[in-house]
């Protein structure tokens, strides 16, 4: 893909990522003031690393729009004979990731913004939670990896790896909390 085509795709991805951010944040907003009954306390490097690895893939297309020589054709990008195939796979991963995180965000609503459980928290088993235990984490993994493949970026693939490492902690901690007596116990 030529740099100008990558810029156009980056504009589209930026608009979609922005809409994703607005939609999900509006659905989760009431959870920010909820009374917490059990809270997860991640180590700082997990919290900051996970947040950074979650936000950067959403913002990276802006870099490609503004500075394609750095974000798409720079020294942190690869070039190979199968770039178009990898970029197609990446675009598919990104699109599925965006669609599923919007779906999961809509189903979770105010529970999405809580690092733990609120007083009236209910176990969510509908929507994507019917098939995948952690669709939000899976979605952001797909978004990060897909963005890295679309823009042929070692940096973005690196952020995907950081995200997966942080997610492993979150998944283990959430599983433990949800199965505990403070969570849903045997019902989980």
N, C-alpha and C. Protein backbone atom coordinates (compact mmCIF):
# COMPACT_ATOMS: atom_id res chain seq x y z
N UNK A 1 0.86 -1.17 0.00
CA UNK A 1 0.00 0.00 0.00
C UNK A 1 0.91 1.23 0.00
N UNK A 2 0.58 2.17 -0.82
CA UNK A 2 1.33 3.42 -0.91
C UNK A 2 1.04 4.28 0.32
N UNK A 3 1.96 5.16 0.67
CA UNK A 3 1.83 5.99 1.88
C UNK A 3 0.56 6.84 1.85
N UNK A 4 0.17 7.36 0.69
CA UNK A 4 -1.05 8.18 0.63
C UNK A 4 -2.29 7.32 0.90
N UNK A 5 -2.31 6.09 0.45
CA UNK A 5 -3.42 5.18 0.76
C UNK A 5 -3.44 4.85 2.24
N UNK A 6 -2.25 4.67 2.81
CA UNK A 6 -2.16 4.41 4.25
C UNK A 6 -2.69 5.60 5.04
N UNK A 7 -2.42 6.81 4.56
CA UNK A 7 -2.93 8.00 5.24
C UNK A 7 -4.46 8.05 5.19
N UNK A 8 -5.04 7.73 4.04
CA UNK A 8 -6.50 7.71 3.94
C UNK A 8 -7.12 6.66 4.87
N UNK A 9 -6.51 5.50 4.90
CA UNK A 9 -6.97 4.46 5.80
C UNK A 9 -6.81 4.91 7.25
N UNK A 10 -5.73 5.58 7.55
CA UNK A 10 -5.49 6.09 8.90
C UNK A 10 -6.54 7.12 9.30
N UNK A 11 -6.98 7.95 8.36
CA UNK A 11 -8.05 8.92 8.65
C UNK A 11 -9.32 8.16 9.03
N UNK A 12 -9.68 7.15 8.24
CA UNK A 12 -10.87 6.35 8.53
C UNK A 12 -10.75 5.68 9.90
N UNK A 13 -9.59 5.08 10.17
CA UNK A 13 -9.39 4.41 11.45
C UNK A 13 -9.45 5.41 12.61
N UNK A 14 -8.93 6.60 12.41
CA UNK A 14 -8.97 7.64 13.44
C UNK A 14 -10.40 8.02 13.77
N UNK A 15 -11.21 8.21 12.75
CA UNK A 15 -12.62 8.56 12.96
C UNK A 15 -13.34 7.44 13.70
N UNK A 16 -13.14 6.21 13.27
CA UNK A 16 -13.80 5.07 13.92
C UNK A 16 -13.30 4.92 15.36
N UNK A 17 -11.99 5.02 15.57
CA UNK A 17 -11.44 4.91 16.93
C UNK A 17 -12.00 6.01 17.83
N UNK A 18 -12.14 7.23 17.30
CA UNK A 18 -12.71 8.33 18.07
C UNK A 18 -14.16 8.06 18.44
N UNK A 19 -14.93 7.55 17.48
CA UNK A 19 -16.33 7.22 17.75
C UNK A 19 -16.42 6.09 18.79
N UNK A 20 -15.52 5.12 18.69
CA UNK A 20 -15.46 4.04 19.67
C UNK A 20 -15.23 4.59 21.07
N UNK A 21 -14.26 5.47 21.18
CA UNK A 21 -13.91 6.07 22.48
C UNK A 21 -15.11 6.81 23.07
N UNK A 22 -15.78 7.62 22.24
CA UNK A 22 -16.92 8.40 22.71
C UNK A 22 -18.07 7.48 23.13
N UNK A 23 -18.40 6.52 22.28
CA UNK A 23 -19.52 5.61 22.60
C UNK A 23 -19.28 4.86 23.91
N UNK A 24 -18.16 4.19 23.99
CA UNK A 24 -17.90 3.37 25.17
C UNK A 24 -17.80 4.22 26.43
N UNK A 25 -17.17 5.38 26.33
CA UNK A 25 -17.05 6.22 27.53
C UNK A 25 -18.41 6.75 27.98
N UNK A 26 -19.33 6.98 27.05
CA UNK A 26 -20.67 7.44 27.44
C UNK A 26 -21.44 6.32 28.12
N UNK A 27 -21.28 5.08 27.66
CA UNK A 27 -22.00 3.96 28.28
C UNK A 27 -21.45 3.66 29.66
N UNK A 28 -20.14 3.84 29.86
CA UNK A 28 -19.53 3.46 31.13
C UNK A 28 -19.56 4.56 32.17
N UNK A 29 -19.86 5.78 31.79
CA UNK A 29 -19.78 6.94 32.69
C UNK A 29 -20.48 6.74 34.04
N UNK A 30 -21.71 6.18 34.10
CA UNK A 30 -22.34 6.03 35.41
C UNK A 30 -21.56 5.13 36.38
N UNK A 31 -20.75 4.22 35.86
CA UNK A 31 -19.97 3.34 36.72
C UNK A 31 -18.86 4.06 37.47
N UNK A 32 -18.47 5.23 37.01
CA UNK A 32 -17.37 5.95 37.64
C UNK A 32 -17.74 6.45 39.04
N UNK A 33 -19.04 6.59 39.31
CA UNK A 33 -19.45 7.09 40.62
C UNK A 33 -20.12 6.00 41.47
N UNK A 34 -20.09 4.77 41.00
CA UNK A 34 -20.74 3.67 41.73
C UNK A 34 -19.96 3.31 42.98
N UNK A 35 -20.68 2.76 43.95
CA UNK A 35 -20.03 2.27 45.17
C UNK A 35 -19.38 0.92 44.88
N UNK A 36 -18.12 0.81 45.20
CA UNK A 36 -17.35 -0.39 44.92
C UNK A 36 -17.44 -1.36 46.10
N UNK A 37 -17.71 -2.63 45.81
CA UNK A 37 -17.75 -3.62 46.89
C UNK A 37 -16.46 -4.44 46.93
N UNK A 38 -15.74 -4.55 45.82
CA UNK A 38 -14.46 -5.26 45.77
C UNK A 38 -13.63 -4.64 44.65
N UNK A 39 -12.42 -4.25 44.95
CA UNK A 39 -11.58 -3.52 43.98
C UNK A 39 -10.31 -4.30 43.66
N UNK A 40 -9.93 -4.27 42.39
CA UNK A 40 -8.65 -4.84 41.98
C UNK A 40 -7.58 -3.77 42.17
N UNK A 41 -6.42 -4.17 42.60
CA UNK A 41 -5.32 -3.24 42.83
C UNK A 41 -4.09 -3.71 42.07
N UNK A 42 -4.00 -3.32 40.80
CA UNK A 42 -2.86 -3.77 40.01
C UNK A 42 -1.57 -3.05 40.40
N UNK A 43 -0.43 -3.71 40.20
CA UNK A 43 0.84 -2.99 40.37
C UNK A 43 0.89 -1.83 39.38
N UNK A 44 1.64 -0.80 39.71
CA UNK A 44 1.68 0.42 38.88
C UNK A 44 2.09 0.11 37.44
N UNK A 45 3.09 -0.76 37.25
CA UNK A 45 3.54 -1.03 35.89
C UNK A 45 2.47 -1.75 35.07
N UNK A 46 1.59 -2.51 35.72
CA UNK A 46 0.49 -3.17 35.01
C UNK A 46 -0.57 -2.12 34.67
N UNK A 47 -0.90 -1.27 35.61
CA UNK A 47 -1.91 -0.26 35.39
C UNK A 47 -1.49 0.73 34.30
N UNK A 48 -0.30 1.31 34.47
CA UNK A 48 0.18 2.29 33.49
C UNK A 48 0.51 1.64 32.16
N UNK A 49 1.18 0.50 32.19
CA UNK A 49 1.53 -0.19 30.94
C UNK A 49 0.31 -0.63 30.17
N UNK A 50 -0.69 -1.14 30.89
CA UNK A 50 -1.92 -1.55 30.23
C UNK A 50 -2.69 -0.37 29.65
N UNK A 51 -2.77 0.72 30.41
CA UNK A 51 -3.46 1.91 29.90
C UNK A 51 -2.77 2.45 28.65
N UNK A 52 -1.45 2.54 28.71
CA UNK A 52 -0.68 3.05 27.58
C UNK A 52 -0.84 2.13 26.36
N UNK A 53 -0.74 0.84 26.59
CA UNK A 53 -0.85 -0.12 25.49
C UNK A 53 -2.27 -0.19 24.94
N UNK A 54 -3.25 0.28 25.70
CA UNK A 54 -4.63 0.32 25.23
C UNK A 54 -4.90 1.59 24.42
N UNK A 55 -4.33 2.70 24.84
CA UNK A 55 -4.61 3.99 24.20
C UNK A 55 -3.77 4.21 22.94
N UNK A 56 -2.51 3.82 22.96
CA UNK A 56 -1.62 4.09 21.83
C UNK A 56 -2.14 3.52 20.51
N UNK A 57 -2.65 2.27 20.48
CA UNK A 57 -3.17 1.76 19.20
C UNK A 57 -4.36 2.57 18.68
N UNK A 58 -5.13 3.18 19.58
CA UNK A 58 -6.24 4.01 19.12
C UNK A 58 -5.75 5.34 18.57
N UNK A 59 -4.61 5.82 19.06
CA UNK A 59 -4.08 7.11 18.61
C UNK A 59 -3.06 6.99 17.48
N UNK A 60 -2.49 5.81 17.28
CA UNK A 60 -1.43 5.66 16.29
C UNK A 60 -1.84 6.06 14.86
N UNK A 61 -3.07 5.77 14.42
CA UNK A 61 -3.45 6.24 13.08
C UNK A 61 -3.31 7.75 12.90
N UNK A 62 -3.46 8.52 13.97
CA UNK A 62 -3.26 9.97 13.88
C UNK A 62 -1.81 10.27 13.49
N UNK A 63 -0.87 9.51 14.05
CA UNK A 63 0.54 9.68 13.71
C UNK A 63 0.75 9.42 12.22
N UNK A 64 0.09 8.40 11.69
CA UNK A 64 0.23 8.08 10.27
C UNK A 64 -0.35 9.20 9.40
N UNK A 65 -1.45 9.81 9.85
CA UNK A 65 -2.04 10.92 9.10
C UNK A 65 -1.10 12.13 9.11
N UNK A 66 -0.59 12.47 10.28
CA UNK A 66 0.21 13.67 10.45
C UNK A 66 1.65 13.49 9.95
N UNK A 67 2.23 12.34 10.20
CA UNK A 67 3.65 12.11 9.85
C UNK A 67 3.82 10.72 9.23
N UNK A 68 3.33 10.53 8.00
CA UNK A 68 3.42 9.20 7.39
C UNK A 68 4.86 8.71 7.20
N UNK A 69 5.79 9.62 7.03
CA UNK A 69 7.19 9.23 6.89
C UNK A 69 7.73 8.58 8.14
N UNK A 70 7.17 8.91 9.28
CA UNK A 70 7.58 8.30 10.54
C UNK A 70 6.66 7.13 10.90
N UNK A 71 5.36 7.32 10.76
CA UNK A 71 4.38 6.32 11.21
C UNK A 71 4.15 5.17 10.26
N UNK A 72 4.54 5.33 8.98
CA UNK A 72 4.28 4.27 8.01
C UNK A 72 5.53 3.84 7.25
N UNK A 73 6.38 4.77 6.93
CA UNK A 73 7.58 4.46 6.14
C UNK A 73 8.88 4.65 6.91
N UNK A 74 8.81 4.81 8.21
CA UNK A 74 10.01 5.10 9.01
C UNK A 74 10.81 3.85 9.35
N UNK A 75 11.83 4.05 10.14
CA UNK A 75 12.72 2.96 10.50
C UNK A 75 12.08 1.98 11.47
N UNK A 76 10.94 2.35 12.07
CA UNK A 76 10.22 1.43 12.95
C UNK A 76 9.16 0.60 12.21
N UNK A 77 9.24 0.62 10.88
CA UNK A 77 8.28 -0.11 10.07
C UNK A 77 9.01 -1.12 9.19
N UNK A 78 8.38 -2.23 8.95
CA UNK A 78 8.98 -3.23 8.08
C UNK A 78 8.39 -3.14 6.68
N UNK A 79 9.02 -3.82 5.76
CA UNK A 79 8.52 -3.95 4.41
C UNK A 79 8.88 -5.35 3.94
N UNK A 80 7.90 -6.06 3.40
CA UNK A 80 8.14 -7.41 2.93
C UNK A 80 7.28 -7.69 1.71
N UNK A 81 7.49 -8.84 1.13
CA UNK A 81 6.74 -9.22 -0.06
C UNK A 81 5.29 -9.56 0.22
N UNK A 82 4.94 -9.77 1.46
CA UNK A 82 3.56 -10.13 1.80
C UNK A 82 2.85 -9.02 2.59
N UNK A 83 3.32 -7.81 2.45
CA UNK A 83 2.73 -6.69 3.20
C UNK A 83 1.23 -6.56 2.97
N UNK A 84 0.77 -6.66 1.73
CA UNK A 84 -0.66 -6.49 1.47
C UNK A 84 -1.50 -7.56 2.17
N UNK A 85 -1.00 -8.78 2.22
CA UNK A 85 -1.71 -9.84 2.92
C UNK A 85 -1.75 -9.54 4.42
N UNK A 86 -0.60 -9.18 4.98
CA UNK A 86 -0.53 -8.84 6.40
C UNK A 86 -1.42 -7.64 6.72
N UNK A 87 -1.42 -6.65 5.83
CA UNK A 87 -2.25 -5.47 6.06
C UNK A 87 -3.73 -5.81 5.98
N UNK A 88 -4.10 -6.71 5.06
CA UNK A 88 -5.50 -7.15 4.99
C UNK A 88 -5.92 -7.89 6.25
N UNK A 89 -5.05 -8.78 6.73
CA UNK A 89 -5.32 -9.49 7.98
C UNK A 89 -5.42 -8.49 9.13
N UNK A 90 -4.50 -7.52 9.15
CA UNK A 90 -4.51 -6.50 10.20
C UNK A 90 -5.79 -5.68 10.19
N UNK A 91 -6.22 -5.28 9.01
CA UNK A 91 -7.45 -4.49 8.91
C UNK A 91 -8.65 -5.31 9.40
N UNK A 92 -8.67 -6.59 9.06
CA UNK A 92 -9.74 -7.47 9.54
C UNK A 92 -9.71 -7.61 11.06
N UNK A 93 -8.53 -7.82 11.63
CA UNK A 93 -8.40 -7.91 13.09
C UNK A 93 -8.87 -6.63 13.77
N UNK A 94 -8.40 -5.50 13.23
CA UNK A 94 -8.79 -4.21 13.79
C UNK A 94 -10.31 -4.04 13.75
N UNK A 95 -10.93 -4.33 12.59
CA UNK A 95 -12.38 -4.13 12.43
C UNK A 95 -13.17 -5.04 13.38
N UNK A 96 -12.77 -6.30 13.47
CA UNK A 96 -13.45 -7.22 14.39
C UNK A 96 -13.25 -6.75 15.83
N UNK A 97 -12.04 -6.31 16.16
CA UNK A 97 -11.77 -5.81 17.51
C UNK A 97 -12.65 -4.63 17.86
N UNK A 98 -12.77 -3.68 16.94
CA UNK A 98 -13.62 -2.50 17.18
C UNK A 98 -15.08 -2.92 17.35
N UNK A 99 -15.57 -3.77 16.46
CA UNK A 99 -16.97 -4.20 16.53
C UNK A 99 -17.26 -4.91 17.85
N UNK A 100 -16.38 -5.81 18.26
CA UNK A 100 -16.63 -6.58 19.48
C UNK A 100 -16.51 -5.70 20.73
N UNK A 101 -15.55 -4.77 20.74
CA UNK A 101 -15.43 -3.92 21.94
C UNK A 101 -16.64 -2.98 22.05
N UNK A 102 -17.19 -2.53 20.95
CA UNK A 102 -18.41 -1.72 21.00
C UNK A 102 -19.57 -2.57 21.52
N UNK A 103 -19.68 -3.78 21.01
CA UNK A 103 -20.73 -4.69 21.45
C UNK A 103 -20.57 -5.00 22.94
N UNK A 104 -19.37 -5.36 23.36
CA UNK A 104 -19.12 -5.67 24.77
C UNK A 104 -19.35 -4.45 25.66
N UNK A 105 -18.93 -3.27 25.19
CA UNK A 105 -19.14 -2.05 25.95
C UNK A 105 -20.60 -1.75 26.14
N UNK A 106 -21.38 -2.01 25.11
CA UNK A 106 -22.82 -1.77 25.20
C UNK A 106 -23.46 -2.73 26.19
N UNK A 107 -23.04 -3.99 26.16
CA UNK A 107 -23.59 -5.00 27.06
C UNK A 107 -23.16 -4.73 28.50
N UNK A 108 -21.88 -4.39 28.71
CA UNK A 108 -21.38 -4.13 30.07
C UNK A 108 -21.89 -2.82 30.65
N UNK A 109 -22.00 -1.80 29.80
CA UNK A 109 -22.46 -0.50 30.27
C UNK A 109 -21.60 0.03 31.40
N UNK A 110 -22.22 0.38 32.50
CA UNK A 110 -21.51 1.02 33.61
C UNK A 110 -20.52 0.10 34.30
N UNK A 111 -20.60 -1.20 34.10
CA UNK A 111 -19.64 -2.11 34.72
C UNK A 111 -18.26 -2.03 34.06
N UNK A 112 -18.19 -1.51 32.86
CA UNK A 112 -16.93 -1.50 32.11
C UNK A 112 -15.87 -0.60 32.73
N UNK A 113 -16.26 0.44 33.40
CA UNK A 113 -15.28 1.40 33.92
C UNK A 113 -14.80 1.07 35.32
N UNK A 114 -15.23 -0.03 35.89
CA UNK A 114 -14.92 -0.36 37.26
C UNK A 114 -13.81 -1.41 37.31
N UNK A 115 -12.76 -1.13 38.08
CA UNK A 115 -11.68 -2.10 38.28
C UNK A 115 -12.02 -2.97 39.47
N UNK A 116 -13.09 -3.71 39.35
CA UNK A 116 -13.56 -4.55 40.44
C UNK A 116 -15.05 -4.79 40.27
N UNK A 117 -15.77 -4.78 41.39
CA UNK A 117 -17.21 -5.03 41.37
C UNK A 117 -17.92 -3.94 42.14
N UNK A 118 -19.05 -3.46 41.60
CA UNK A 118 -19.85 -2.48 42.32
C UNK A 118 -20.89 -3.19 43.18
N UNK A 119 -21.55 -2.46 44.05
CA UNK A 119 -22.47 -3.05 45.02
C UNK A 119 -23.55 -3.89 44.34
N UNK A 120 -24.17 -3.39 43.31
CA UNK A 120 -25.26 -4.14 42.66
C UNK A 120 -24.81 -4.84 41.37
N UNK A 121 -23.52 -5.16 41.28
CA UNK A 121 -22.95 -5.77 40.10
C UNK A 121 -23.64 -7.11 39.80
N UNK A 122 -23.97 -7.30 38.55
CA UNK A 122 -24.56 -8.57 38.10
C UNK A 122 -23.60 -9.24 37.14
N UNK A 123 -23.59 -10.57 37.16
CA UNK A 123 -22.76 -11.32 36.25
C UNK A 123 -23.33 -11.20 34.84
N UNK A 124 -22.51 -10.75 33.90
CA UNK A 124 -22.95 -10.56 32.53
C UNK A 124 -22.62 -11.82 31.73
N UNK A 125 -23.64 -12.42 31.14
CA UNK A 125 -23.45 -13.64 30.34
C UNK A 125 -24.09 -13.53 28.97
N UNK A 126 -24.50 -12.33 28.59
CA UNK A 126 -25.13 -12.14 27.29
C UNK A 126 -24.16 -11.44 26.33
N UNK A 127 -24.60 -11.26 25.11
CA UNK A 127 -23.76 -10.61 24.10
C UNK A 127 -22.49 -11.42 23.86
N UNK A 128 -21.36 -10.76 23.70
CA UNK A 128 -20.13 -11.50 23.43
C UNK A 128 -19.67 -12.34 24.62
N UNK A 129 -20.19 -12.02 25.82
CA UNK A 129 -19.83 -12.79 27.01
C UNK A 129 -20.43 -14.19 26.99
N UNK A 130 -21.34 -14.43 26.07
CA UNK A 130 -21.90 -15.76 25.91
C UNK A 130 -20.85 -16.71 25.33
N UNK A 131 -19.90 -16.15 24.54
CA UNK A 131 -18.92 -16.99 23.85
C UNK A 131 -17.48 -16.79 24.33
N UNK A 132 -17.16 -15.60 24.80
CA UNK A 132 -15.79 -15.28 25.19
C UNK A 132 -15.82 -14.71 26.61
N UNK A 133 -14.93 -15.19 27.45
CA UNK A 133 -14.95 -14.76 28.85
C UNK A 133 -14.47 -13.31 29.02
N UNK A 134 -13.53 -12.89 28.20
CA UNK A 134 -12.98 -11.53 28.31
C UNK A 134 -12.94 -10.87 26.92
N UNK A 135 -14.11 -10.54 26.36
CA UNK A 135 -14.13 -9.98 25.01
C UNK A 135 -13.49 -8.60 24.88
N UNK A 136 -13.51 -7.80 25.93
CA UNK A 136 -12.89 -6.47 25.85
C UNK A 136 -11.37 -6.62 25.70
N UNK A 137 -10.77 -7.46 26.52
CA UNK A 137 -9.32 -7.68 26.42
C UNK A 137 -8.97 -8.30 25.07
N UNK A 138 -9.77 -9.25 24.63
CA UNK A 138 -9.53 -9.88 23.33
C UNK A 138 -9.65 -8.84 22.22
N UNK A 139 -10.64 -7.97 22.33
CA UNK A 139 -10.84 -6.94 21.31
C UNK A 139 -9.67 -5.97 21.23
N UNK A 140 -9.20 -5.50 22.39
CA UNK A 140 -8.08 -4.56 22.37
C UNK A 140 -6.79 -5.23 21.89
N UNK A 141 -6.66 -6.52 22.12
CA UNK A 141 -5.53 -7.25 21.55
C UNK A 141 -5.63 -7.24 20.04
N UNK A 142 -6.82 -7.51 19.51
CA UNK A 142 -7.03 -7.50 18.06
C UNK A 142 -6.81 -6.11 17.48
N UNK A 143 -7.27 -5.08 18.17
CA UNK A 143 -7.07 -3.70 17.70
C UNK A 143 -5.60 -3.35 17.66
N UNK A 144 -4.87 -3.66 18.72
CA UNK A 144 -3.44 -3.33 18.77
C UNK A 144 -2.65 -4.10 17.71
N UNK A 145 -2.87 -5.40 17.63
CA UNK A 145 -2.15 -6.20 16.65
C UNK A 145 -2.56 -5.82 15.23
N UNK A 146 -3.85 -5.61 15.02
CA UNK A 146 -4.34 -5.20 13.70
C UNK A 146 -3.75 -3.87 13.26
N UNK A 147 -3.68 -2.91 14.16
CA UNK A 147 -3.08 -1.61 13.84
C UNK A 147 -1.61 -1.79 13.47
N UNK A 148 -0.91 -2.62 14.23
CA UNK A 148 0.51 -2.88 13.93
C UNK A 148 0.68 -3.48 12.55
N UNK A 149 -0.18 -4.43 12.17
CA UNK A 149 -0.06 -5.05 10.86
C UNK A 149 -0.46 -4.11 9.73
N UNK A 150 -1.51 -3.34 9.92
CA UNK A 150 -1.96 -2.39 8.89
C UNK A 150 -0.85 -1.40 8.54
N UNK A 151 -0.18 -0.89 9.56
CA UNK A 151 0.83 0.14 9.33
C UNK A 151 2.25 -0.41 9.36
N UNK A 152 2.37 -1.75 9.37
CA UNK A 152 3.68 -2.42 9.30
C UNK A 152 4.63 -1.89 10.38
N UNK A 153 4.12 -1.79 11.59
CA UNK A 153 4.83 -1.09 12.65
C UNK A 153 5.35 -2.05 13.74
N UNK A 154 6.67 -2.09 13.86
CA UNK A 154 7.26 -2.85 14.96
C UNK A 154 6.83 -2.27 16.30
N UNK A 155 6.74 -0.94 16.37
CA UNK A 155 6.33 -0.27 17.60
C UNK A 155 4.94 -0.72 18.05
N UNK A 156 4.00 -0.77 17.11
CA UNK A 156 2.64 -1.17 17.46
C UNK A 156 2.56 -2.64 17.83
N UNK A 157 3.31 -3.48 17.15
CA UNK A 157 3.34 -4.90 17.52
C UNK A 157 3.92 -5.02 18.93
N UNK A 158 4.91 -4.19 19.25
CA UNK A 158 5.47 -4.16 20.60
C UNK A 158 4.43 -3.75 21.63
N UNK A 159 3.61 -2.75 21.31
CA UNK A 159 2.54 -2.36 22.23
C UNK A 159 1.52 -3.49 22.39
N UNK A 160 1.27 -4.24 21.33
CA UNK A 160 0.37 -5.39 21.44
C UNK A 160 0.92 -6.41 22.42
N UNK A 161 2.23 -6.62 22.39
CA UNK A 161 2.87 -7.56 23.32
C UNK A 161 2.75 -7.04 24.76
N UNK A 162 2.98 -5.74 24.96
CA UNK A 162 2.84 -5.15 26.30
C UNK A 162 1.39 -5.29 26.77
N UNK A 163 0.45 -5.04 25.87
CA UNK A 163 -0.96 -5.17 26.21
C UNK A 163 -1.27 -6.60 26.65
N UNK A 164 -0.79 -7.59 25.90
CA UNK A 164 -1.04 -8.99 26.25
C UNK A 164 -0.44 -9.31 27.63
N UNK A 165 0.76 -8.81 27.90
CA UNK A 165 1.39 -9.05 29.20
C UNK A 165 0.55 -8.44 30.33
N UNK A 166 0.09 -7.21 30.15
CA UNK A 166 -0.74 -6.57 31.17
C UNK A 166 -2.09 -7.28 31.30
N UNK A 167 -2.63 -7.70 30.19
CA UNK A 167 -3.92 -8.38 30.19
C UNK A 167 -3.85 -9.70 30.93
N UNK A 168 -2.75 -10.39 30.85
CA UNK A 168 -2.61 -11.66 31.59
C UNK A 168 -2.80 -11.43 33.09
N UNK A 169 -2.25 -10.33 33.60
CA UNK A 169 -2.44 -10.02 35.02
C UNK A 169 -3.91 -9.73 35.29
N UNK A 170 -4.52 -8.86 34.46
CA UNK A 170 -5.91 -8.47 34.68
C UNK A 170 -6.84 -9.67 34.63
N UNK A 171 -6.65 -10.55 33.64
CA UNK A 171 -7.51 -11.73 33.51
C UNK A 171 -7.40 -12.60 34.75
N UNK A 172 -6.18 -12.90 35.18
CA UNK A 172 -5.99 -13.74 36.37
C UNK A 172 -6.62 -13.09 37.60
N UNK A 173 -6.41 -11.79 37.78
CA UNK A 173 -6.97 -11.08 38.94
C UNK A 173 -8.49 -11.05 38.89
N UNK A 174 -9.06 -10.80 37.73
CA UNK A 174 -10.52 -10.76 37.60
C UNK A 174 -11.13 -12.14 37.83
N UNK A 175 -10.50 -13.16 37.27
CA UNK A 175 -11.00 -14.52 37.47
C UNK A 175 -11.05 -14.85 38.96
N UNK A 176 -9.98 -14.52 39.67
CA UNK A 176 -9.92 -14.78 41.11
C UNK A 176 -11.00 -14.00 41.86
N UNK A 177 -11.16 -12.72 41.52
CA UNK A 177 -12.16 -11.89 42.18
C UNK A 177 -13.57 -12.38 41.89
N UNK A 178 -13.87 -12.66 40.63
CA UNK A 178 -15.22 -13.07 40.27
C UNK A 178 -15.62 -14.41 40.88
N UNK A 179 -14.65 -15.29 41.08
CA UNK A 179 -14.93 -16.61 41.67
C UNK A 179 -14.91 -16.57 43.20
N UNK A 180 -14.49 -15.45 43.79
CA UNK A 180 -14.36 -15.34 45.25
C UNK A 180 -15.74 -15.08 45.89
N UNK A 181 -15.81 -15.22 47.23
CA UNK A 181 -17.06 -14.91 47.93
C UNK A 181 -17.46 -13.43 47.77
N UNK A 182 -16.48 -12.50 47.61
CA UNK A 182 -16.83 -11.09 47.37
C UNK A 182 -17.39 -10.89 45.96
N UNK A 183 -17.07 -11.82 45.08
CA UNK A 183 -17.57 -11.76 43.70
C UNK A 183 -18.86 -12.52 43.56
N UNK A 184 -18.85 -13.50 42.66
CA UNK A 184 -20.06 -14.29 42.42
C UNK A 184 -19.95 -15.72 42.93
N UNK A 185 -18.80 -16.04 43.55
CA UNK A 185 -18.60 -17.35 44.15
C UNK A 185 -18.79 -18.48 43.15
N UNK A 186 -19.53 -19.50 43.58
CA UNK A 186 -19.75 -20.67 42.72
C UNK A 186 -20.58 -20.35 41.48
N UNK A 187 -21.34 -19.27 41.52
CA UNK A 187 -22.15 -18.86 40.36
C UNK A 187 -21.30 -18.47 39.17
N UNK A 188 -20.04 -18.12 39.43
CA UNK A 188 -19.14 -17.76 38.34
C UNK A 188 -18.55 -19.03 37.75
